[in-house]
Amino acid sequence: MFSEYSSQPLESSLPPSPTAATAEKRGEDSVEEAGEVDGRGTWKHAAFHVATTIATPAAYAPLPFALASLGWPLGVSSLVSGTLATWYSSLLIASLWRWNGKKQITYRKLAGSIFGFRGYYSIAFFQQVASLGNNIAIQIAAGSSLKAVYKHFREDGALTLQHFIIFFGAFELVLSQLPDIHSLRWVNSLCTFSTIGFAATTIGVAIYNGKKIDRNTVSYSLQGSSSLKIFKAFNALGVVAFSFGDAMLPEIQNTVREPARKNMYKGVTAAYAIIIVSYWILAFCGYWAFGSEVQAYIVSSLSVPEWTIVMANLFAVIQISGCYQANICLL
């Protein structure tokens, strides 16, 4: 009889002790603090986040200028190659979600799990530098767009670019009170539609302005000396590379519900469909319209109608506001 009772696990008939319950609760809290919680977002939310972090007007508005610095053959091939390479690499990163049995919720942790201590801190350093530089650039872009709208209505206005950068920063400070990336899903959905709106408006106005120009006066030849052409070509390649940067894929994938890989694959592909439509058509139409004389920021090349230029600048501000919030999650 003793052997019969001793064969049964005693702990199964006993209630959990307060100490055990407390330890279990602490374990759950530590998992949540580490970010390893079940995601709630759909693949559509992932698409909004990816499109918002990549396709900001500050990144792809200079693409016509990049094509003008490379010419049609090299410019088109560079843009197409950059799109396909970053789309494929994004899918590869998404596939590493649980590659060693543990969620990889940041680039730093992913690099650390593969390359160790040096990989973790190397990625952390370069990611912080890139994110900081990108955030400074998009703040200036947002301030410039706000100033352009202001000058449209008040040509003799006294407010300067610095004022509008401060205004934008104050708005972002309020928006940053949202707790995490998932809480930005509706903001980023609006930003994604603003990306499409900016691209559609700019493309339409570029074509409209291009048709008003005497096409015989438009040149597509590379300008400047040999050394200047080389410099502009490397600068253009940098512009193309920058236009696909700063997608927070592991952080975004952490907000996606299971099956996380499948939903992330669909989200990344949907985002890149938006990117292809926005990037390629804007780059090709902007270069076609103005040729080698296109400005570094395509909106600066547009002249009429003025109300559409105002609308494009408003779309840019809305999109940048969500992109900035997503990027500061890295800091």
C-alpha atoms as a PDB file:
ATOM      1  CA  MET A   1       0.000   0.000   0.000  1.00  0.00           C
ATOM      2  CA  PHE A   2       2.850   2.361   0.760  1.00  0.00           C
ATOM      3  CA  SER A   3       4.336   1.703  -2.621  1.00  0.00           C
ATOM      4  CA  GLU A   4       0.962   2.444  -4.235  1.00  0.00           C
ATOM      5  CA  TYR A   5       0.707   5.868  -2.651  1.00  0.00           C
ATOM      6  CA  SER A   6       4.368   6.694  -3.042  1.00  0.00           C
ATOM      7  CA  SER A   7       4.131   6.164  -6.797  1.00  0.00           C
ATOM      8  CA  GLN A   8       1.774   9.140  -7.142  1.00  0.00           C
ATOM      9  CA  PRO A   9       3.270  12.651  -7.401  1.00  0.00           C
ATOM     10  CA  LEU A  10       2.497  14.445  -4.143  1.00  0.00           C
ATOM     11  CA  GLU A  11       2.661  17.930  -5.654  1.00  0.00           C
ATOM     12  CA  SER A  12      -0.310  17.237  -7.946  1.00  0.00           C
ATOM     13  CA  SER A  13      -2.676  17.048  -4.959  1.00  0.00           C
ATOM     14  CA  LEU A  14      -1.321  20.126  -3.208  1.00  0.00           C
ATOM     15  CA  PRO A  15      -2.338  23.710  -3.995  1.00  0.00           C
ATOM     16  CA  PRO A  16       0.456  25.925  -5.275  1.00  0.00           C
ATOM     17  CA  SER A  17       2.248  27.756  -2.507  1.00  0.00           C
ATOM     18  CA  PRO A  18       2.256  31.566  -2.421  1.00  0.00           C
ATOM     19  CA  THR A  19       5.983  31.472  -3.069  1.00  0.00           C
ATOM     20  CA  ALA A  20       5.529  29.370  -6.210  1.00  0.00           C
ATOM     21  CA  ALA A  21       2.696  31.591  -7.438  1.00  0.00           C
ATOM     22  CA  THR A  22       4.804  34.674  -6.857  1.00  0.00           C
ATOM     23  CA  ALA A  23       7.732  33.144  -8.722  1.00  0.00           C
ATOM     24  CA  GLU A  24       5.481  32.213 -11.629  1.00  0.00           C
ATOM     25  CA  LYS A  25       4.084  35.735 -11.741  1.00  0.00           C
ATOM     26  CA  ARG A  26       7.604  37.168 -11.716  1.00  0.00           C
ATOM     27  CA  GLY A  27       8.503  34.838 -14.555  1.00  0.00           C
ATOM     28  CA  GLU A  28       5.572  36.108 -16.610  1.00  0.00           C
ATOM     29  CA  ASP A  29       6.518  39.702 -15.848  1.00  0.00           C
ATOM     30  CA  SER A  30      10.131  39.100 -16.849  1.00  0.00           C
ATOM     31  CA  VAL A  31       8.981  37.594 -20.155  1.00  0.00           C
ATOM     32  CA  GLU A  32       6.785  40.622 -20.816  1.00  0.00           C
ATOM     33  CA  GLU A  33       9.616  42.975 -19.855  1.00  0.00           C
ATOM     34  CA  ALA A  34      11.876  41.192 -22.336  1.00  0.00           C
ATOM     35  CA  GLY A  35       9.325  41.867 -25.034  1.00  0.00           C
ATOM     36  CA  GLU A  36       8.485  38.199 -25.539  1.00  0.00           C
ATOM     37  CA  VAL A  37       4.714  38.553 -25.521  1.00  0.00           C
ATOM     38  CA  ASP A  38       2.239  37.209 -28.005  1.00  0.00           C
ATOM     39  CA  GLY A  39       1.664  39.637 -30.873  1.00  0.00           C
ATOM     40  CA  ARG A  40      -1.815  40.837 -31.706  1.00  0.00           C
ATOM     41  CA  GLY A  41      -1.269  42.499 -35.066  1.00  0.00           C
ATOM     42  CA  THR A  42      -2.312  41.120 -38.444  1.00  0.00           C
ATOM     43  CA  TRP A  43      -0.269  41.013 -41.632  1.00  0.00           C
ATOM     44  CA  LYS A  44      -2.020  44.228 -42.675  1.00  0.00           C
ATOM     45  CA  HIS A  45      -0.708  45.980 -39.571  1.00  0.00           C
ATOM     46  CA  ALA A  46       2.764  44.653 -40.385  1.00  0.00           C
ATOM     47  CA  ALA A  47       2.444  46.047 -43.904  1.00  0.00           C
ATOM     48  CA  PHE A  48       1.478  49.467 -42.510  1.00  0.00           C
ATOM     49  CA  HIS A  49       4.469  49.475 -40.147  1.00  0.00           C
ATOM     50  CA  VAL A  50       6.981  48.330 -42.784  1.00  0.00           C
ATOM     51  CA  ALA A  51       5.709  50.766 -45.413  1.00  0.00           C
ATOM     52  CA  THR A  52       5.759  53.642 -42.912  1.00  0.00           C
ATOM     53  CA  THR A  53       9.318  53.017 -41.734  1.00  0.00           C
ATOM     54  CA  ILE A  54      10.737  52.589 -45.255  1.00  0.00           C
ATOM     55  CA  ALA A  55       8.688  54.702 -47.666  1.00  0.00           C
ATOM     56  CA  THR A  56       9.060  58.177 -46.222  1.00  0.00           C
ATOM     57  CA  PRO A  57       9.066  61.110 -48.695  1.00  0.00           C
ATOM     58  CA  ALA A  58      12.449  62.190 -47.355  1.00  0.00           C
ATOM     59  CA  ALA A  59      13.795  58.856 -48.611  1.00  0.00           C
ATOM     60  CA  TYR A  60      12.205  58.451 -52.030  1.00  0.00           C
ATOM     61  CA  ALA A  61      11.575  62.054 -53.167  1.00  0.00           C
ATOM     62  CA  PRO A  62      15.293  62.334 -54.212  1.00  0.00           C
ATOM     63  CA  LEU A  63      15.065  59.253 -56.463  1.00  0.00           C
ATOM     64  CA  PRO A  64      14.485  61.213 -59.711  1.00  0.00           C
ATOM     65  CA  PHE A  65      17.657  63.159 -58.899  1.00  0.00           C
ATOM     66  CA  ALA A  66      19.482  59.856 -58.360  1.00  0.00           C
ATOM     67  CA  LEU A  67      18.382  58.654 -61.797  1.00  0.00           C
ATOM     68  CA  ALA A  68      19.561  61.934 -63.300  1.00  0.00           C
ATOM     69  CA  SER A  69      22.994  61.328 -61.772  1.00  0.00           C
ATOM     70  CA  LEU A  70      23.188  57.767 -63.118  1.00  0.00           C
ATOM     71  CA  GLY A  71      21.340  57.953 -66.419  1.00  0.00           C
ATOM     72  CA  TRP A  72      18.529  55.691 -67.588  1.00  0.00           C
ATOM     73  CA  PRO A  73      20.338  52.307 -67.846  1.00  0.00           C
ATOM     74  CA  LEU A  74      22.318  52.383 -64.592  1.00  0.00           C
ATOM     75  CA  GLY A  75      19.627  54.311 -62.723  1.00  0.00           C
ATOM     76  CA  VAL A  76      16.807  51.900 -63.558  1.00  0.00           C
ATOM     77  CA  SER A  77      18.943  48.809 -62.907  1.00  0.00           C
ATOM     78  CA  SER A  78      20.134  50.190 -59.552  1.00  0.00           C
ATOM     79  CA  LEU A  79      16.599  50.978 -58.417  1.00  0.00           C
ATOM     80  CA  VAL A  80      15.197  47.612 -59.486  1.00  0.00           C
ATOM     81  CA  SER A  81      18.156  45.723 -57.979  1.00  0.00           C
ATOM     82  CA  GLY A  82      17.850  47.632 -54.703  1.00  0.00           C
ATOM     83  CA  THR A  83      14.149  46.842 -54.487  1.00  0.00           C
ATOM     84  CA  LEU A  84      14.559  43.118 -55.125  1.00  0.00           C
ATOM     85  CA  ALA A  85      17.623  42.756 -52.868  1.00  0.00           C
ATOM     86  CA  THR A  86      16.025  44.481 -49.859  1.00  0.00           C
ATOM     87  CA  TRP A  87      12.710  42.659 -50.335  1.00  0.00           C
ATOM     88  CA  TYR A  88      14.501  39.302 -50.351  1.00  0.00           C
ATOM     89  CA  SER A  89      16.698  40.211 -47.383  1.00  0.00           C
ATOM     90  CA  SER A  90      13.597  41.318 -45.461  1.00  0.00           C
ATOM     91  CA  LEU A  91      12.042  37.898 -46.019  1.00  0.00           C
ATOM     92  CA  LEU A  92      15.266  36.251 -44.819  1.00  0.00           C
ATOM     93  CA  ILE A  93      15.231  38.300 -41.616  1.00  0.00           C
ATOM     94  CA  ALA A  94      11.578  37.408 -41.067  1.00  0.00           C
ATOM     95  CA  SER A  95      12.486  33.716 -41.442  1.00  0.00           C
ATOM     96  CA  LEU A  96      14.919  34.012 -38.495  1.00  0.00           C
ATOM     97  CA  TRP A  97      12.099  34.800 -36.083  1.00  0.00           C
ATOM     98  CA  ARG A  98      12.600  31.627 -33.989  1.00  0.00           C
ATOM     99  CA  TRP A  99      15.651  30.159 -35.679  1.00  0.00           C
ATOM    100  CA  ASN A 100      17.248  29.021 -32.376  1.00  0.00           C
ATOM    101  CA  GLY A 101      13.994  28.406 -30.508  1.00  0.00           C
ATOM    102  CA  LYS A 102      13.804  31.925 -29.110  1.00  0.00           C
ATOM    103  CA  LYS A 103      12.108  35.063 -30.381  1.00  0.00           C
ATOM    104  CA  GLN A 104      14.528  37.515 -31.978  1.00  0.00           C
ATOM    105  CA  ILE A 105      12.716  40.755 -31.200  1.00  0.00           C
ATOM    106  CA  THR A 106      15.434  43.261 -32.139  1.00  0.00           C
ATOM    107  CA  TYR A 107      18.274  43.435 -34.644  1.00  0.00           C
ATOM    108  CA  ARG A 108      20.710  43.597 -31.730  1.00  0.00           C
ATOM    109  CA  LYS A 109      19.491  40.360 -30.183  1.00  0.00           C
ATOM    110  CA  LEU A 110      19.377  38.653 -33.550  1.00  0.00           C
ATOM    111  CA  ALA A 111      22.979  39.658 -34.267  1.00  0.00           C
ATOM    112  CA  GLY A 112      24.031  38.668 -30.758  1.00  0.00           C
ATOM    113  CA  SER A 113      22.507  35.212 -31.076  1.00  0.00           C
ATOM    114  CA  ILE A 114      24.390  34.627 -34.342  1.00  0.00           C
ATOM    115  CA  PHE A 115      27.690  36.480 -33.899  1.00  0.00           C
ATOM    116  CA  GLY A 116      27.897  36.793 -30.128  1.00  0.00           C
ATOM    117  CA  PHE A 117      29.013  39.761 -28.024  1.00  0.00           C
ATOM    118  CA  ARG A 118      30.707  41.658 -30.852  1.00  0.00           C
ATOM    119  CA  GLY A 119      27.757  41.228 -33.181  1.00  0.00           C
ATOM    120  CA  TYR A 120      25.346  42.583 -30.587  1.00  0.00           C
ATOM    121  CA  TYR A 121      27.257  45.787 -29.854  1.00  0.00           C
ATOM    122  CA  SER A 122      28.353  46.366 -33.449  1.00  0.00           C
ATOM    123  CA  ILE A 123      24.761  46.284 -34.673  1.00  0.00           C
ATOM    124  CA  ALA A 124      23.633  48.380 -31.692  1.00  0.00           C
ATOM    125  CA  PHE A 125      26.181  51.096 -32.522  1.00  0.00           C
ATOM    126  CA  PHE A 126      25.494  51.306 -36.249  1.00  0.00           C
ATOM    127  CA  GLN A 127      21.738  51.068 -35.739  1.00  0.00           C
ATOM    128  CA  GLN A 128      21.731  53.953 -33.263  1.00  0.00           C
ATOM    129  CA  VAL A 129      23.889  56.117 -35.526  1.00  0.00           C
ATOM    130  CA  ALA A 130      21.679  55.395 -38.555  1.00  0.00           C
ATOM    131  CA  SER A 131      18.467  55.953 -36.609  1.00  0.00           C
ATOM    132  CA  LEU A 132      19.717  59.222 -35.104  1.00  0.00           C
ATOM    133  CA  GLY A 133      20.841  60.564 -38.486  1.00  0.00           C
ATOM    134  CA  ASN A 134      17.611  59.477 -40.135  1.00  0.00           C
ATOM    135  CA  ASN A 135      15.490  61.148 -37.449  1.00  0.00           C
ATOM    136  CA  ILE A 136      17.395  64.412 -37.815  1.00  0.00           C
ATOM    137  CA  ALA A 137      16.911  64.290 -41.597  1.00  0.00           C
ATOM    138  CA  ILE A 138      13.183  63.622 -41.443  1.00  0.00           C
ATOM    139  CA  GLN A 139      12.654  66.355 -38.824  1.00  0.00           C
ATOM    140  CA  ILE A 140      14.236  68.833 -41.220  1.00  0.00           C
ATOM    141  CA  ALA A 141      12.111  67.444 -44.081  1.00  0.00           C
ATOM    142  CA  ALA A 142       8.921  67.768 -42.027  1.00  0.00           C
ATOM    143  CA  GLY A 143       9.842  71.308 -40.977  1.00  0.00           C
ATOM    144  CA  SER A 144      10.558  72.253 -44.596  1.00  0.00           C
ATOM    145  CA  SER A 145       7.194  70.897 -45.735  1.00  0.00           C
ATOM    146  CA  LEU A 146       5.358  72.783 -42.982  1.00  0.00           C
ATOM    147  CA  LYS A 147       7.225  75.954 -43.894  1.00  0.00           C
ATOM    148  CA  ALA A 148       6.294  75.515 -47.582  1.00  0.00           C
ATOM    149  CA  VAL A 149       2.608  75.269 -46.640  1.00  0.00           C
ATOM    150  CA  TYR A 150       2.932  78.315 -44.397  1.00  0.00           C
ATOM    151  CA  LYS A 151       4.646  80.388 -47.093  1.00  0.00           C
ATOM    152  CA  HIS A 152       1.882  79.498 -49.541  1.00  0.00           C
ATOM    153  CA  PHE A 153      -0.641  81.298 -47.343  1.00  0.00           C
ATOM    154  CA  ARG A 154       1.687  83.880 -45.757  1.00  0.00           C
ATOM    155  CA  GLU A 155       4.445  84.885 -48.158  1.00  0.00           C
ATOM    156  CA  ASP A 156       5.671  87.613 -45.807  1.00  0.00           C
ATOM    157  CA  GLY A 157       5.387  85.439 -42.691  1.00  0.00           C
ATOM    158  CA  ALA A 158       8.075  85.805 -40.034  1.00  0.00           C
ATOM    159  CA  LEU A 159       8.272  82.152 -38.972  1.00  0.00           C
ATOM    160  CA  THR A 160      11.447  80.324 -39.980  1.00  0.00           C
ATOM    161  CA  LEU A 161      12.378  76.694 -40.592  1.00  0.00           C
ATOM    162  CA  GLN A 162      13.593  76.371 -36.993  1.00  0.00           C
ATOM    163  CA  HIS A 163      10.141  77.285 -35.702  1.00  0.00           C
ATOM    164  CA  PHE A 164       8.471  74.566 -37.731  1.00  0.00           C
ATOM    165  CA  ILE A 165      11.022  71.965 -36.650  1.00  0.00           C
ATOM    166  CA  ILE A 166      10.181  72.861 -33.031  1.00  0.00           C
ATOM    167  CA  PHE A 167       6.437  72.630 -33.774  1.00  0.00           C
ATOM    168  CA  PHE A 168       6.915  69.222 -35.347  1.00  0.00           C
ATOM    169  CA  GLY A 169       9.046  68.051 -32.423  1.00  0.00           C
ATOM    170  CA  ALA A 170       6.382  69.153 -29.933  1.00  0.00           C
ATOM    171  CA  PHE A 171       3.728  67.198 -31.830  1.00  0.00           C
ATOM    172  CA  GLU A 172       5.973  64.123 -31.873  1.00  0.00           C
ATOM    173  CA  LEU A 173       6.508  64.464 -28.130  1.00  0.00           C
ATOM    174  CA  VAL A 174       2.750  64.176 -27.623  1.00  0.00           C
ATOM    175  CA  LEU A 175       2.476  61.271 -30.062  1.00  0.00           C
ATOM    176  CA  SER A 176       5.353  59.450 -28.347  1.00  0.00           C
ATOM    177  CA  GLN A 177       3.152  58.854 -25.282  1.00  0.00           C
ATOM    178  CA  LEU A 178       1.671  55.858 -27.115  1.00  0.00           C
ATOM    179  CA  PRO A 179       3.198  52.801 -25.416  1.00  0.00           C
ATOM    180  CA  ASP A 180       4.470  50.624 -28.279  1.00  0.00           C
ATOM    181  CA  ILE A 181       4.623  50.022 -32.024  1.00  0.00           C
ATOM    182  CA  HIS A 182       1.341  48.093 -32.060  1.00  0.00           C
ATOM    183  CA  SER A 183      -0.472  51.109 -30.631  1.00  0.00           C
ATOM    184  CA  LEU A 184       0.720  53.042 -33.690  1.00  0.00           C
ATOM    185  CA  ARG A 185      -1.112  50.741 -36.113  1.00  0.00           C
ATOM    186  CA  TRP A 186      -3.875  53.236 -36.942  1.00  0.00           C
ATOM    187  CA  VAL A 187      -1.409  56.109 -37.131  1.00  0.00           C
ATOM    188  CA  ASN A 188       0.764  54.076 -39.494  1.00  0.00           C
ATOM    189  CA  SER A 189      -2.227  53.045 -41.607  1.00  0.00           C
ATOM    190  CA  LEU A 190      -2.920  56.753 -42.141  1.00  0.00           C
ATOM    191  CA  CYS A 191       0.777  57.264 -42.891  1.00  0.00           C
ATOM    192  CA  THR A 192       0.704  54.481 -45.482  1.00  0.00           C
ATOM    193  CA  PHE A 193      -2.194  56.126 -47.296  1.00  0.00           C
ATOM    194  CA  SER A 194      -0.303  59.427 -47.054  1.00  0.00           C
ATOM    195  CA  THR A 195       2.662  57.727 -48.742  1.00  0.00           C
ATOM    196  CA  ILE A 196       0.391  56.729 -51.608  1.00  0.00           C
ATOM    197  CA  GLY A 197      -1.155  60.219 -51.618  1.00  0.00           C
ATOM    198  CA  PHE A 198       2.226  61.951 -51.745  1.00  0.00           C
ATOM    199  CA  ALA A 199       3.462  59.693 -54.534  1.00  0.00           C
ATOM    200  CA  ALA A 200       0.241  60.002 -56.557  1.00  0.00           C
ATOM    201  CA  THR A 201       0.131  63.783 -56.184  1.00  0.00           C
ATOM    202  CA  THR A 202       3.791  64.261 -57.018  1.00  0.00           C
ATOM    203  CA  ILE A 203       3.630  61.886 -59.999  1.00  0.00           C
ATOM    204  CA  GLY A 204       0.545  63.608 -61.390  1.00  0.00           C
ATOM    205  CA  VAL A 205       1.992  67.105 -60.993  1.00  0.00           C
ATOM    206  CA  ALA A 206       5.357  66.010 -62.445  1.00  0.00           C
ATOM    207  CA  ILE A 207       3.632  64.645 -65.559  1.00  0.00           C
ATOM    208  CA  TYR A 208       1.500  67.797 -65.800  1.00  0.00           C
ATOM    209  CA  ASN A 209       4.563  70.046 -65.538  1.00  0.00           C
ATOM    210  CA  GLY A 210       6.518  67.818 -67.914  1.00  0.00           C
ATOM    211  CA  LYS A 211       3.908  68.185 -70.631  1.00  0.00           C
ATOM    212  CA  LYS A 212       4.069  71.974 -70.327  1.00  0.00           C
ATOM    213  CA  ILE A 213       7.805  71.974 -70.949  1.00  0.00           C
ATOM    214  CA  ASP A 214       9.190  71.971 -74.471  1.00  0.00           C
ATOM    215  CA  ARG A 215      10.406  68.384 -74.662  1.00  0.00           C
ATOM    216  CA  ASN A 216      13.166  69.331 -77.098  1.00  0.00           C
ATOM    217  CA  THR A 217      14.819  71.346 -74.309  1.00  0.00           C
ATOM    218  CA  VAL A 218      14.889  68.450 -71.834  1.00  0.00           C
ATOM    219  CA  SER A 219      18.277  66.697 -71.685  1.00  0.00           C
ATOM    220  CA  TYR A 220      19.009  63.311 -70.137  1.00  0.00           C
ATOM    221  CA  SER A 221      22.784  63.459 -70.536  1.00  0.00           C
ATOM    222  CA  LEU A 222      25.042  63.368 -67.482  1.00  0.00           C
ATOM    223  CA  GLN A 223      26.260  66.838 -66.517  1.00  0.00           C
ATOM    224  CA  GLY A 224      29.703  67.989 -65.346  1.00  0.00           C
ATOM    225  CA  SER A 225      33.300  66.829 -65.581  1.00  0.00           C
ATOM    226  CA  SER A 226      34.397  63.208 -65.316  1.00  0.00           C
ATOM    227  CA  SER A 227      35.261  63.535 -61.609  1.00  0.00           C
ATOM    228  CA  LEU A 228      31.947  65.247 -60.883  1.00  0.00           C
ATOM    229  CA  LYS A 229      30.050  62.528 -62.735  1.00  0.00           C
ATOM    230  CA  ILE A 230      31.779  59.859 -60.634  1.00  0.00           C
ATOM    231  CA  PHE A 231      31.027  61.735 -57.417  1.00  0.00           C
ATOM    232  CA  LYS A 232      27.374  62.206 -58.370  1.00  0.00           C
ATOM    233  CA  ALA A 233      27.085  58.545 -59.342  1.00  0.00           C
ATOM    234  CA  PHE A 234      28.293  57.341 -55.919  1.00  0.00           C
ATOM    235  CA  ASN A 235      26.051  59.901 -54.251  1.00  0.00           C
ATOM    236  CA  ALA A 236      23.108  58.585 -56.285  1.00  0.00           C
ATOM    237  CA  LEU A 237      23.851  54.997 -55.265  1.00  0.00           C
ATOM    238  CA  GLY A 238      23.830  56.182 -51.669  1.00  0.00           C
ATOM    239  CA  VAL A 239      20.442  57.829 -52.230  1.00  0.00           C
ATOM    240  CA  VAL A 240      19.043  54.566 -53.613  1.00  0.00           C
ATOM    241  CA  ALA A 241      20.447  52.593 -50.669  1.00  0.00           C
ATOM    242  CA  PHE A 242      19.119  55.135 -48.145  1.00  0.00           C
ATOM    243  CA  SER A 243      15.631  54.977 -49.648  1.00  0.00           C
ATOM    244  CA  PHE A 244      15.285  51.334 -48.532  1.00  0.00           C
ATOM    245  CA  GLY A 245      16.845  51.691 -45.095  1.00  0.00           C
ATOM    246  CA  ASP A 246      15.628  51.642 -41.498  1.00  0.00           C
ATOM    247  CA  ALA A 247      12.904  48.972 -41.627  1.00  0.00           C
ATOM    248  CA  MET A 248      12.468  47.695 -38.045  1.00  0.00           C
ATOM    249  CA  LEU A 249      11.594  44.148 -39.072  1.00  0.00           C
ATOM    250  CA  PRO A 250      12.232  42.168 -35.825  1.00  0.00           C
ATOM    251  CA  GLU A 251      10.518  44.836 -33.733  1.00  0.00           C
ATOM    252  CA  ILE A 252       7.542  44.850 -36.085  1.00  0.00           C
ATOM    253  CA  GLN A 253       7.376  41.055 -36.234  1.00  0.00           C
ATOM    254  CA  ASN A 254       7.158  40.982 -32.424  1.00  0.00           C
ATOM    255  CA  THR A 255       3.759  42.704 -32.701  1.00  0.00           C
ATOM    256  CA  VAL A 256       2.353  40.196 -35.212  1.00  0.00           C
ATOM    257  CA  ARG A 257       0.145  37.295 -34.165  1.00  0.00           C
ATOM    258  CA  GLU A 258       0.933  33.682 -34.976  1.00  0.00           C
ATOM    259  CA  PRO A 259       1.858  32.323 -37.432  1.00  0.00           C
ATOM    260  CA  ALA A 260       4.298  35.224 -37.212  1.00  0.00           C
ATOM    261  CA  ARG A 261       6.522  34.150 -40.123  1.00  0.00           C
ATOM    262  CA  LYS A 262       3.665  33.709 -42.564  1.00  0.00           C
ATOM    263  CA  ASN A 263       1.989  36.963 -41.542  1.00  0.00           C
ATOM    264  CA  MET A 264       5.297  38.821 -41.768  1.00  0.00           C
ATOM    265  CA  TYR A 265       5.997  37.415 -45.238  1.00  0.00           C
ATOM    266  CA  LYS A 266       2.612  38.705 -46.392  1.00  0.00           C
ATOM    267  CA  GLY A 267       3.095  42.057 -44.653  1.00  0.00           C
ATOM    268  CA  VAL A 268       6.563  42.649 -46.124  1.00  0.00           C
ATOM    269  CA  THR A 269       5.398  41.690 -49.619  1.00  0.00           C
ATOM    270  CA  ALA A 270       2.348  43.968 -49.386  1.00  0.00           C
ATOM    271  CA  ALA A 271       4.541  46.834 -48.178  1.00  0.00           C
ATOM    272  CA  TYR A 272       6.963  46.305 -51.048  1.00  0.00           C
ATOM    273  CA  ALA A 273       4.082  46.377 -53.514  1.00  0.00           C
ATOM    274  CA  ILE A 274       3.335  49.892 -52.235  1.00  0.00           C
ATOM    275  CA  ILE A 275       7.038  50.756 -52.369  1.00  0.00           C
ATOM    276  CA  ILE A 276       7.385  49.592 -55.973  1.00  0.00           C
ATOM    277  CA  VAL A 277       4.400  51.651 -57.112  1.00  0.00           C
ATOM    278  CA  SER A 278       5.596  54.722 -55.196  1.00  0.00           C
ATOM    279  CA  TYR A 279       9.345  54.513 -55.836  1.00  0.00           C
ATOM    280  CA  TRP A 280       9.527  53.331 -59.406  1.00  0.00           C
ATOM    281  CA  ILE A 281       6.792  55.461 -60.924  1.00  0.00           C
ATOM    282  CA  LEU A 282       7.882  58.612 -59.080  1.00  0.00           C
ATOM    283  CA  ALA A 283      11.539  58.109 -60.042  1.00  0.00           C
ATOM    284  CA  PHE A 284      10.777  57.417 -63.703  1.00  0.00           C
ATOM    285  CA  CYS A 285       8.158  60.161 -64.128  1.00  0.00           C
ATOM    286  CA  GLY A 286      10.200  62.769 -62.261  1.00  0.00           C
ATOM    287  CA  TYR A 287      13.296  62.084 -64.350  1.00  0.00           C
ATOM    288  CA  TRP A 288      11.234  61.999 -67.555  1.00  0.00           C
ATOM    289  CA  ALA A 289       9.599  65.340 -66.769  1.00  0.00           C
ATOM    290  CA  PHE A 290      12.681  67.380 -65.871  1.00  0.00           C
ATOM    291  CA  GLY A 291      15.648  65.377 -67.140  1.00  0.00           C
ATOM    292  CA  SER A 292      19.063  66.251 -65.772  1.00  0.00           C
ATOM    293  CA  GLU A 293      17.690  69.528 -64.345  1.00  0.00           C
ATOM    294  CA  VAL A 294      15.524  67.786 -61.746  1.00  0.00           C
ATOM    295  CA  GLN A 295      16.074  69.042 -58.205  1.00  0.00           C
ATOM    296  CA  ALA A 296      17.368  66.896 -55.338  1.00  0.00           C
ATOM    297  CA  TYR A 297      13.898  67.055 -53.734  1.00  0.00           C
ATOM    298  CA  ILE A 298      11.353  66.474 -56.484  1.00  0.00           C
ATOM    299  CA  VAL A 299       8.755  68.817 -54.955  1.00  0.00           C
ATOM    300  CA  SER A 300      11.182  71.713 -55.492  1.00  0.00           C
ATOM    301  CA  SER A 301      10.968  71.097 -59.251  1.00  0.00           C
ATOM    302  CA  LEU A 302       7.180  71.423 -59.318  1.00  0.00           C
ATOM    303  CA  SER A 303       5.630  74.798 -60.080  1.00  0.00           C
ATOM    304  CA  VAL A 304       1.931  74.522 -60.962  1.00  0.00           C
ATOM    305  CA  PRO A 305      -0.769  74.062 -59.830  1.00  0.00           C
ATOM    306  CA  GLU A 306       0.257  75.394 -56.430  1.00  0.00           C
ATOM    307  CA  TRP A 307      -2.550  73.776 -54.424  1.00  0.00           C
ATOM    308  CA  THR A 308      -1.324  70.316 -55.392  1.00  0.00           C
ATOM    309  CA  ILE A 309       2.161  71.178 -54.143  1.00  0.00           C
ATOM    310  CA  VAL A 310       0.630  72.223 -50.813  1.00  0.00           C
ATOM    311  CA  MET A 311      -1.237  68.929 -50.681  1.00  0.00           C
ATOM    312  CA  ALA A 312       1.943  66.949 -51.395  1.00  0.00           C
ATOM    313  CA  ASN A 313       3.710  68.742 -48.526  1.00  0.00           C
ATOM    314  CA  LEU A 314       0.839  67.950 -46.150  1.00  0.00           C
ATOM    315  CA  PHE A 315       0.976  64.286 -47.142  1.00  0.00           C
ATOM    316  CA  ALA A 316       4.716  64.358 -46.444  1.00  0.00           C
ATOM    317  CA  VAL A 317       4.245  65.765 -42.929  1.00  0.00           C
ATOM    318  CA  ILE A 318       1.600  63.172 -42.038  1.00  0.00           C
ATOM    319  CA  GLN A 319       3.757  60.309 -43.287  1.00  0.00           C
ATOM    320  CA  ILE A 320       6.904  61.541 -41.558  1.00  0.00           C
ATOM    321  CA  SER A 321       5.089  61.860 -38.222  1.00  0.00           C
ATOM    322  CA  GLY A 322       4.465  58.100 -38.116  1.00  0.00           C
ATOM    323  CA  CYS A 323       7.895  57.219 -39.473  1.00  0.00           C
ATOM    324  CA  TYR A 324       9.556  59.293 -36.748  1.00  0.00           C
ATOM    325  CA  GLN A 325       7.592  57.529 -34.018  1.00  0.00           C
ATOM    326  CA  ALA A 326       8.542  54.108 -35.316  1.00  0.00           C
ATOM    327  CA  ASN A 327      12.209  55.058 -35.558  1.00  0.00           C
ATOM    328  CA  ILE A 328      12.516  56.447 -32.027  1.00  0.00           C
ATOM    329  CA  CYS A 329      11.541  53.017 -30.697  1.00  0.00           C
ATOM    330  CA  LEU A 330      15.155  52.075 -31.507  1.00  0.00           C
ATOM    331  CA  LEU A 331      16.668  54.813 -29.356  1.00  0.00           C
END
